[in-house]
Amino acid sequence: MGIGKKGKLKTNKSAAKRLRMTKSGLLKKRNAGRQHILSKKSRKHKRQLRKAGYLSTTDAKRIRRLLPYGTH
């Protein structure tokens, strides 16, 4: 690297695959608990897990460091 040049920031690929950035800047996530052992969960609980969730502002602040250029 030459003098005065900074290196590129690396995107954390595992975070990029799990999260999406909304137009308003919120981070959208898939809810956990929908993969297996569904028989003991109620129909209502499984239905509510289909909806995507959003990261809290405190978590989003930490995760933004992993996604320096945003995601899609």
PDB file of N, CA and C in Angstrom:
ATOM      1  N   MET A   1       0.833  -1.190   0.000  1.00  0.00           N
ATOM      2  CA  MET A   1       0.000   0.000   0.000  1.00  0.00           C
ATOM      3  C   MET A   1       0.872   1.245   0.000  1.00  0.00           C
ATOM      4  N   GLY A   2       0.436   2.223  -0.734  1.00  0.00           N
ATOM      5  CA  GLY A   2       1.171   3.470  -0.790  1.00  0.00           C
ATOM      6  C   GLY A   2       0.905   4.322   0.436  1.00  0.00           C
ATOM      7  N   ILE A   3       1.646   5.370   0.542  1.00  0.00           N
ATOM      8  CA  ILE A   3       1.475   6.280   1.672  1.00  0.00           C
ATOM      9  C   ILE A   3       0.154   7.042   1.500  1.00  0.00           C
ATOM     10  N   GLY A   4      -0.596   7.168   2.594  1.00  0.00           N
ATOM     11  CA  GLY A   4      -1.855   7.904   2.547  1.00  0.00           C
ATOM     12  C   GLY A   4      -3.042   7.072   2.104  1.00  0.00           C
ATOM     13  N   LYS A   5      -2.825   5.799   1.757  1.00  0.00           N
ATOM     14  CA  LYS A   5      -3.944   4.953   1.334  1.00  0.00           C
ATOM     15  C   LYS A   5      -4.344   4.033   2.469  1.00  0.00           C
ATOM     16  N   LYS A   6      -5.624   3.854   2.626  1.00  0.00           N
ATOM     17  CA  LYS A   6      -6.133   2.934   3.636  1.00  0.00           C
ATOM     18  C   LYS A   6      -6.604   1.667   2.938  1.00  0.00           C
ATOM     19  N   GLY A   7      -6.525   0.569   3.661  1.00  0.00           N
ATOM     20  CA  GLY A   7      -6.998  -0.690   3.114  1.00  0.00           C
ATOM     21  C   GLY A   7      -8.517  -0.742   3.097  1.00  0.00           C
ATOM     22  N   LYS A   8      -9.023  -1.660   2.316  1.00  0.00           N
ATOM     23  CA  LYS A   8     -10.470  -1.833   2.262  1.00  0.00           C
ATOM     24  C   LYS A   8     -10.934  -2.563   3.521  1.00  0.00           C
ATOM     25  N   LEU A   9     -12.178  -2.293   3.912  1.00  0.00           N
ATOM     26  CA  LEU A   9     -12.766  -2.991   5.049  1.00  0.00           C
ATOM     27  C   LEU A   9     -13.389  -4.285   4.550  1.00  0.00           C
ATOM     28  N   LYS A  10     -13.265  -5.328   5.337  1.00  0.00           N
ATOM     29  CA  LYS A  10     -13.844  -6.610   4.941  1.00  0.00           C
ATOM     30  C   LYS A  10     -15.232  -6.772   5.544  1.00  0.00           C
ATOM     31  N   THR A  11     -16.163  -7.221   4.709  1.00  0.00           N
ATOM     32  CA  THR A  11     -17.506  -7.533   5.167  1.00  0.00           C
ATOM     33  C   THR A  11     -17.488  -8.896   5.828  1.00  0.00           C
ATOM     34  N   ASN A  12     -18.142  -9.017   6.973  1.00  0.00           N
ATOM     35  CA  ASN A  12     -18.278 -10.315   7.615  1.00  0.00           C
ATOM     36  C   ASN A  12     -19.355 -11.093   6.866  1.00  0.00           C
ATOM     37  N   LYS A  13     -18.950 -12.149   6.159  1.00  0.00           N
ATOM     38  CA  LYS A  13     -19.847 -12.862   5.261  1.00  0.00           C
ATOM     39  C   LYS A  13     -20.967 -13.591   5.998  1.00  0.00           C
ATOM     40  N   SER A  14     -20.693 -14.096   7.197  1.00  0.00           N
ATOM     41  CA  SER A  14     -21.750 -14.799   7.924  1.00  0.00           C
ATOM     42  C   SER A  14     -22.865 -13.827   8.317  1.00  0.00           C
ATOM     43  N   ALA A  15     -22.502 -12.606   8.691  1.00  0.00           N
ATOM     44  CA  ALA A  15     -23.508 -11.595   9.030  1.00  0.00           C
ATOM     45  C   ALA A  15     -24.256 -11.146   7.781  1.00  0.00           C
ATOM     46  N   ALA A  16     -23.543 -11.017   6.665  1.00  0.00           N
ATOM     47  CA  ALA A  16     -24.161 -10.565   5.413  1.00  0.00           C
ATOM     48  C   ALA A  16     -25.199 -11.562   4.916  1.00  0.00           C
ATOM     49  N   LYS A  17     -24.969 -12.852   5.165  1.00  0.00           N
ATOM     50  CA  LYS A  17     -25.916 -13.876   4.714  1.00  0.00           C
ATOM     51  C   LYS A  17     -27.160 -13.932   5.600  1.00  0.00           C
ATOM     52  N   ARG A  18     -27.044 -13.491   6.831  1.00  0.00           N
ATOM     53  CA  ARG A  18     -28.156 -13.597   7.774  1.00  0.00           C
ATOM     54  C   ARG A  18     -28.993 -12.327   7.891  1.00  0.00           C
ATOM     55  N   LEU A  19     -28.453 -11.199   7.509  1.00  0.00           N
ATOM     56  CA  LEU A  19     -29.123  -9.922   7.728  1.00  0.00           C
ATOM     57  C   LEU A  19     -29.320  -9.151   6.430  1.00  0.00           C
ATOM     58  N   ARG A  20     -30.368  -8.328   6.409  1.00  0.00           N
ATOM     59  CA  ARG A  20     -30.630  -7.438   5.278  1.00  0.00           C
ATOM     60  C   ARG A  20     -30.824  -6.032   5.824  1.00  0.00           C
ATOM     61  N   MET A  21     -30.425  -5.057   5.029  1.00  0.00           N
ATOM     62  CA  MET A  21     -30.612  -3.668   5.418  1.00  0.00           C
ATOM     63  C   MET A  21     -31.889  -3.151   4.755  1.00  0.00           C
ATOM     64  N   THR A  22     -32.753  -2.507   5.536  1.00  0.00           N
ATOM     65  CA  THR A  22     -33.966  -1.926   4.962  1.00  0.00           C
ATOM     66  C   THR A  22     -33.629  -0.523   4.443  1.00  0.00           C
ATOM     67  N   LYS A  23     -34.557   0.061   3.690  1.00  0.00           N
ATOM     68  CA  LYS A  23     -34.316   1.403   3.147  1.00  0.00           C
ATOM     69  C   LYS A  23     -34.141   2.438   4.251  1.00  0.00           C
ATOM     70  N   SER A  24     -34.844   2.222   5.358  1.00  0.00           N
ATOM     71  CA  SER A  24     -34.741   3.174   6.473  1.00  0.00           C
ATOM     72  C   SER A  24     -33.501   2.936   7.325  1.00  0.00           C
ATOM     73  N   GLY A  25     -32.718   1.882   7.000  1.00  0.00           N
ATOM     74  CA  GLY A  25     -31.469   1.643   7.710  1.00  0.00           C
ATOM     75  C   GLY A  25     -31.556   0.629   8.839  1.00  0.00           C
ATOM     76  N   LEU A  26     -32.745   0.029   9.035  1.00  0.00           N
ATOM     77  CA  LEU A  26     -32.870  -1.006  10.061  1.00  0.00           C
ATOM     78  C   LEU A  26     -32.275  -2.309   9.541  1.00  0.00           C
ATOM     79  N   LEU A  27     -31.864  -3.171  10.437  1.00  0.00           N
ATOM     80  CA  LEU A  27     -31.358  -4.482  10.040  1.00  0.00           C
ATOM     81  C   LEU A  27     -32.447  -5.518  10.270  1.00  0.00           C
ATOM     82  N   LYS A  28     -32.792  -6.225   9.196  1.00  0.00           N
ATOM     83  CA  LYS A  28     -33.859  -7.215   9.221  1.00  0.00           C
ATOM     84  C   LYS A  28     -33.251  -8.595   9.399  1.00  0.00           C
ATOM     85  N   LYS A  29     -33.875  -9.417  10.248  1.00  0.00           N
ATOM     86  CA  LYS A  29     -33.338 -10.751  10.524  1.00  0.00           C
ATOM     87  C   LYS A  29     -34.440 -11.797  10.453  1.00  0.00           C
ATOM     88  N   ARG A  30     -34.024 -13.038  10.295  1.00  0.00           N
ATOM     89  CA  ARG A  30     -34.957 -14.158  10.347  1.00  0.00           C
ATOM     90  C   ARG A  30     -35.030 -14.618  11.799  1.00  0.00           C
ATOM     91  N   ASN A  31     -36.213 -15.011  12.244  1.00  0.00           N
ATOM     92  CA  ASN A  31     -36.358 -15.445  13.634  1.00  0.00           C
ATOM     93  C   ASN A  31     -35.801 -16.851  13.838  1.00  0.00           C
ATOM     94  N   ALA A  32     -35.195 -17.072  14.972  1.00  0.00           N
ATOM     95  CA  ALA A  32     -34.657 -18.385  15.321  1.00  0.00           C
ATOM     96  C   ALA A  32     -35.785 -19.291  15.787  1.00  0.00           C
ATOM     97  N   GLY A  33     -35.547 -20.608  15.744  1.00  0.00           N
ATOM     98  CA  GLY A  33     -36.493 -21.557  16.302  1.00  0.00           C
ATOM     99  C   GLY A  33     -37.471 -22.143  15.309  1.00  0.00           C
ATOM    100  N   ARG A  34     -37.179 -22.063  14.002  1.00  0.00           N
ATOM    101  CA  ARG A  34     -38.103 -22.589  12.992  1.00  0.00           C
ATOM    102  C   ARG A  34     -37.503 -23.754  12.206  1.00  0.00           C
ATOM    103  N   GLN A  35     -36.370 -24.277  12.646  1.00  0.00           N
ATOM    104  CA  GLN A  35     -35.684 -25.314  11.877  1.00  0.00           C
ATOM    105  C   GLN A  35     -36.174 -26.717  12.225  1.00  0.00           C
ATOM    106  N   HIS A  36     -36.197 -27.043  13.494  1.00  0.00           N
ATOM    107  CA  HIS A  36     -36.571 -28.401  13.899  1.00  0.00           C
ATOM    108  C   HIS A  36     -37.190 -28.369  15.291  1.00  0.00           C
ATOM    109  N   ILE A  37     -37.635 -29.538  15.750  1.00  0.00           N
ATOM    110  CA  ILE A  37     -38.379 -29.689  17.012  1.00  0.00           C
ATOM    111  C   ILE A  37     -39.588 -28.745  17.007  1.00  0.00           C
ATOM    112  N   LEU A  38     -40.393 -28.869  15.960  1.00  0.00           N
ATOM    113  CA  LEU A  38     -41.555 -27.998  15.818  1.00  0.00           C
ATOM    114  C   LEU A  38     -42.814 -28.606  16.435  1.00  0.00           C
ATOM    115  N   SER A  39     -42.753 -29.903  16.746  1.00  0.00           N
ATOM    116  CA  SER A  39     -43.960 -30.575  17.239  1.00  0.00           C
ATOM    117  C   SER A  39     -44.416 -30.045  18.597  1.00  0.00           C
ATOM    118  N   LYS A  40     -43.476 -29.635  19.433  1.00  0.00           N
ATOM    119  CA  LYS A  40     -43.849 -29.131  20.762  1.00  0.00           C
ATOM    120  C   LYS A  40     -44.255 -27.655  20.738  1.00  0.00           C
ATOM    121  N   LYS A  41     -44.022 -26.983  19.616  1.00  0.00           N
ATOM    122  CA  LYS A  41     -44.395 -25.566  19.520  1.00  0.00           C
ATOM    123  C   LYS A  41     -45.823 -25.446  18.999  1.00  0.00           C
ATOM    124  N   SER A  42     -46.555 -24.497  19.529  1.00  0.00           N
ATOM    125  CA  SER A  42     -47.957 -24.328  19.138  1.00  0.00           C
ATOM    126  C   SER A  42     -48.041 -23.767  17.718  1.00  0.00           C
ATOM    127  N   ARG A  43     -49.197 -23.967  17.124  1.00  0.00           N
ATOM    128  CA  ARG A  43     -49.443 -23.469  15.769  1.00  0.00           C
ATOM    129  C   ARG A  43     -49.268 -21.951  15.716  1.00  0.00           C
ATOM    130  N   LYS A  44     -49.752 -21.280  16.740  1.00  0.00           N
ATOM    131  CA  LYS A  44     -49.644 -19.817  16.816  1.00  0.00           C
ATOM    132  C   LYS A  44     -48.178 -19.384  16.885  1.00  0.00           C
ATOM    133  N   HIS A  45     -47.399 -20.080  17.700  1.00  0.00           N
ATOM    134  CA  HIS A  45     -45.977 -19.748  17.857  1.00  0.00           C
ATOM    135  C   HIS A  45     -45.230 -19.913  16.541  1.00  0.00           C
ATOM    136  N   LYS A  46     -45.486 -21.012  15.829  1.00  0.00           N
ATOM    137  CA  LYS A  46     -44.813 -21.263  14.548  1.00  0.00           C
ATOM    138  C   LYS A  46     -45.223 -20.229  13.507  1.00  0.00           C
ATOM    139  N   ARG A  47     -46.485 -19.837  13.537  1.00  0.00           N
ATOM    140  CA  ARG A  47     -46.981 -18.833  12.587  1.00  0.00           C
ATOM    141  C   ARG A  47     -46.306 -17.481  12.836  1.00  0.00           C
ATOM    142  N   GLN A  48     -46.139 -17.134  14.109  1.00  0.00           N
ATOM    143  CA  GLN A  48     -45.501 -15.861  14.443  1.00  0.00           C
ATOM    144  C   GLN A  48     -44.014 -15.854  14.097  1.00  0.00           C
ATOM    145  N   LEU A  49     -43.384 -17.034  14.096  1.00  0.00           N
ATOM    146  CA  LEU A  49     -41.966 -17.115  13.758  1.00  0.00           C
ATOM    147  C   LEU A  49     -41.700 -16.928  12.260  1.00  0.00           C
ATOM    148  N   ARG A  50     -42.762 -17.043  11.429  1.00  0.00           N
ATOM    149  CA  ARG A  50     -42.589 -16.840   9.986  1.00  0.00           C
ATOM    150  C   ARG A  50     -42.218 -15.391   9.664  1.00  0.00           C
ATOM    151  N   LYS A  51     -42.751 -14.472  10.451  1.00  0.00           N
ATOM    152  CA  LYS A  51     -42.497 -13.053  10.191  1.00  0.00           C
ATOM    153  C   LYS A  51     -41.048 -12.717  10.521  1.00  0.00           C
ATOM    154  N   ALA A  52     -40.473 -11.859   9.719  1.00  0.00           N
ATOM    155  CA  ALA A  52     -39.093 -11.418   9.968  1.00  0.00           C
ATOM    156  C   ALA A  52     -39.085 -10.452  11.149  1.00  0.00           C
ATOM    157  N   GLY A  53     -37.973 -10.387  11.830  1.00  0.00           N
ATOM    158  CA  GLY A  53     -37.825  -9.460  12.939  1.00  0.00           C
ATOM    159  C   GLY A  53     -36.774  -8.415  12.612  1.00  0.00           C
ATOM    160  N   TYR A  54     -36.618  -7.451  13.494  1.00  0.00           N
ATOM    161  CA  TYR A  54     -35.623  -6.407  13.314  1.00  0.00           C
ATOM    162  C   TYR A  54     -34.688  -6.407  14.504  1.00  0.00           C
ATOM    163  N   LEU A  55     -33.433  -6.112  14.260  1.00  0.00           N
ATOM    164  CA  LEU A  55     -32.464  -6.046  15.348  1.00  0.00           C
ATOM    165  C   LEU A  55     -32.714  -4.801  16.179  1.00  0.00           C
ATOM    166  N   SER A  56     -32.465  -4.910  17.468  1.00  0.00           N
ATOM    167  CA  SER A  56     -32.597  -3.752  18.345  1.00  0.00           C
ATOM    168  C   SER A  56     -31.492  -2.751  17.997  1.00  0.00           C
ATOM    169  N   THR A  57     -31.675  -1.521  18.362  1.00  0.00           N
ATOM    170  CA  THR A  57     -30.720  -0.470  18.009  1.00  0.00           C
ATOM    171  C   THR A  57     -29.349  -0.713  18.625  1.00  0.00           C
ATOM    172  N   THR A  58     -29.326  -1.294  19.832  1.00  0.00           N
ATOM    173  CA  THR A  58     -28.037  -1.560  20.479  1.00  0.00           C
ATOM    174  C   THR A  58     -27.281  -2.668  19.755  1.00  0.00           C
ATOM    175  N   ASP A  59     -27.989  -3.719  19.339  1.00  0.00           N
ATOM    176  CA  ASP A  59     -27.350  -4.794  18.582  1.00  0.00           C
ATOM    177  C   ASP A  59     -26.938  -4.306  17.198  1.00  0.00           C
ATOM    178  N   ALA A  60     -27.803  -3.517  16.582  1.00  0.00           N
ATOM    179  CA  ALA A  60     -27.541  -3.021  15.221  1.00  0.00           C
ATOM    180  C   ALA A  60     -26.264  -2.191  15.182  1.00  0.00           C
ATOM    181  N   LYS A  61     -26.002  -1.446  16.234  1.00  0.00           N
ATOM    182  CA  LYS A  61     -24.803  -0.608  16.287  1.00  0.00           C
ATOM    183  C   LYS A  61     -23.534  -1.468  16.220  1.00  0.00           C
ATOM    184  N   ARG A  62     -23.550  -2.612  16.923  1.00  0.00           N
ATOM    185  CA  ARG A  62     -22.400  -3.524  16.898  1.00  0.00           C
ATOM    186  C   ARG A  62     -22.271  -4.236  15.548  1.00  0.00           C
ATOM    187  N   ILE A  63     -23.405  -4.625  14.990  1.00  0.00           N
ATOM    188  CA  ILE A  63     -23.403  -5.400  13.748  1.00  0.00           C
ATOM    189  C   ILE A  63     -22.989  -4.538  12.559  1.00  0.00           C
ATOM    190  N   ARG A  64     -23.288  -3.243  12.588  1.00  0.00           N
ATOM    191  CA  ARG A  64     -22.913  -2.349  11.476  1.00  0.00           C
ATOM    192  C   ARG A  64     -21.413  -2.350  11.208  1.00  0.00           C
ATOM    193  N   ARG A  65     -20.624  -2.628  12.254  1.00  0.00           N
ATOM    194  CA  ARG A  65     -19.180  -2.726  12.081  1.00  0.00           C
ATOM    195  C   ARG A  65     -18.803  -3.937  11.219  1.00  0.00           C
ATOM    196  N   LEU A  66     -19.631  -4.983  11.287  1.00  0.00           N
ATOM    197  CA  LEU A  66     -19.395  -6.192  10.490  1.00  0.00           C
ATOM    198  C   LEU A  66     -19.831  -6.006   9.042  1.00  0.00           C
ATOM    199  N   LEU A  67     -20.731  -5.036   8.808  1.00  0.00           N
ATOM    200  CA  LEU A  67     -21.257  -4.781   7.472  1.00  0.00           C
ATOM    201  C   LEU A  67     -20.941  -3.346   7.059  1.00  0.00           C
ATOM    202  N   PRO A  68     -19.680  -3.055   6.751  1.00  0.00           N
ATOM    203  CA  PRO A  68     -19.297  -1.669   6.493  1.00  0.00           C
ATOM    204  C   PRO A  68     -19.954  -1.066   5.249  1.00  0.00           C
ATOM    205  N   TYR A  69     -20.340  -1.897   4.290  1.00  0.00           N
ATOM    206  CA  TYR A  69     -20.940  -1.375   3.060  1.00  0.00           C
ATOM    207  C   TYR A  69     -22.415  -1.698   2.957  1.00  0.00           C
ATOM    208  N   GLY A  70     -23.029  -2.115   4.062  1.00  0.00           N
ATOM    209  CA  GLY A  70     -24.437  -2.485   4.049  1.00  0.00           C
ATOM    210  C   GLY A  70     -24.625  -3.823   3.360  1.00  0.00           C
ATOM    211  N   THR A  71     -25.856  -4.284   3.277  1.00  0.00           N
ATOM    212  CA  THR A  71     -26.154  -5.516   2.555  1.00  0.00           C
ATOM    213  C   THR A  71     -27.297  -5.235   1.602  1.00  0.00           C
ATOM    214  N   HIS A  72     -27.235  -5.773   0.449  1.00  0.00           N
ATOM    215  CA  HIS A  72     -28.187  -5.611  -0.676  1.00  0.00           C
ATOM    216  C   HIS A  72     -29.176  -4.492  -0.468  1.00  0.00           C
TER     217      HIS A  72
END
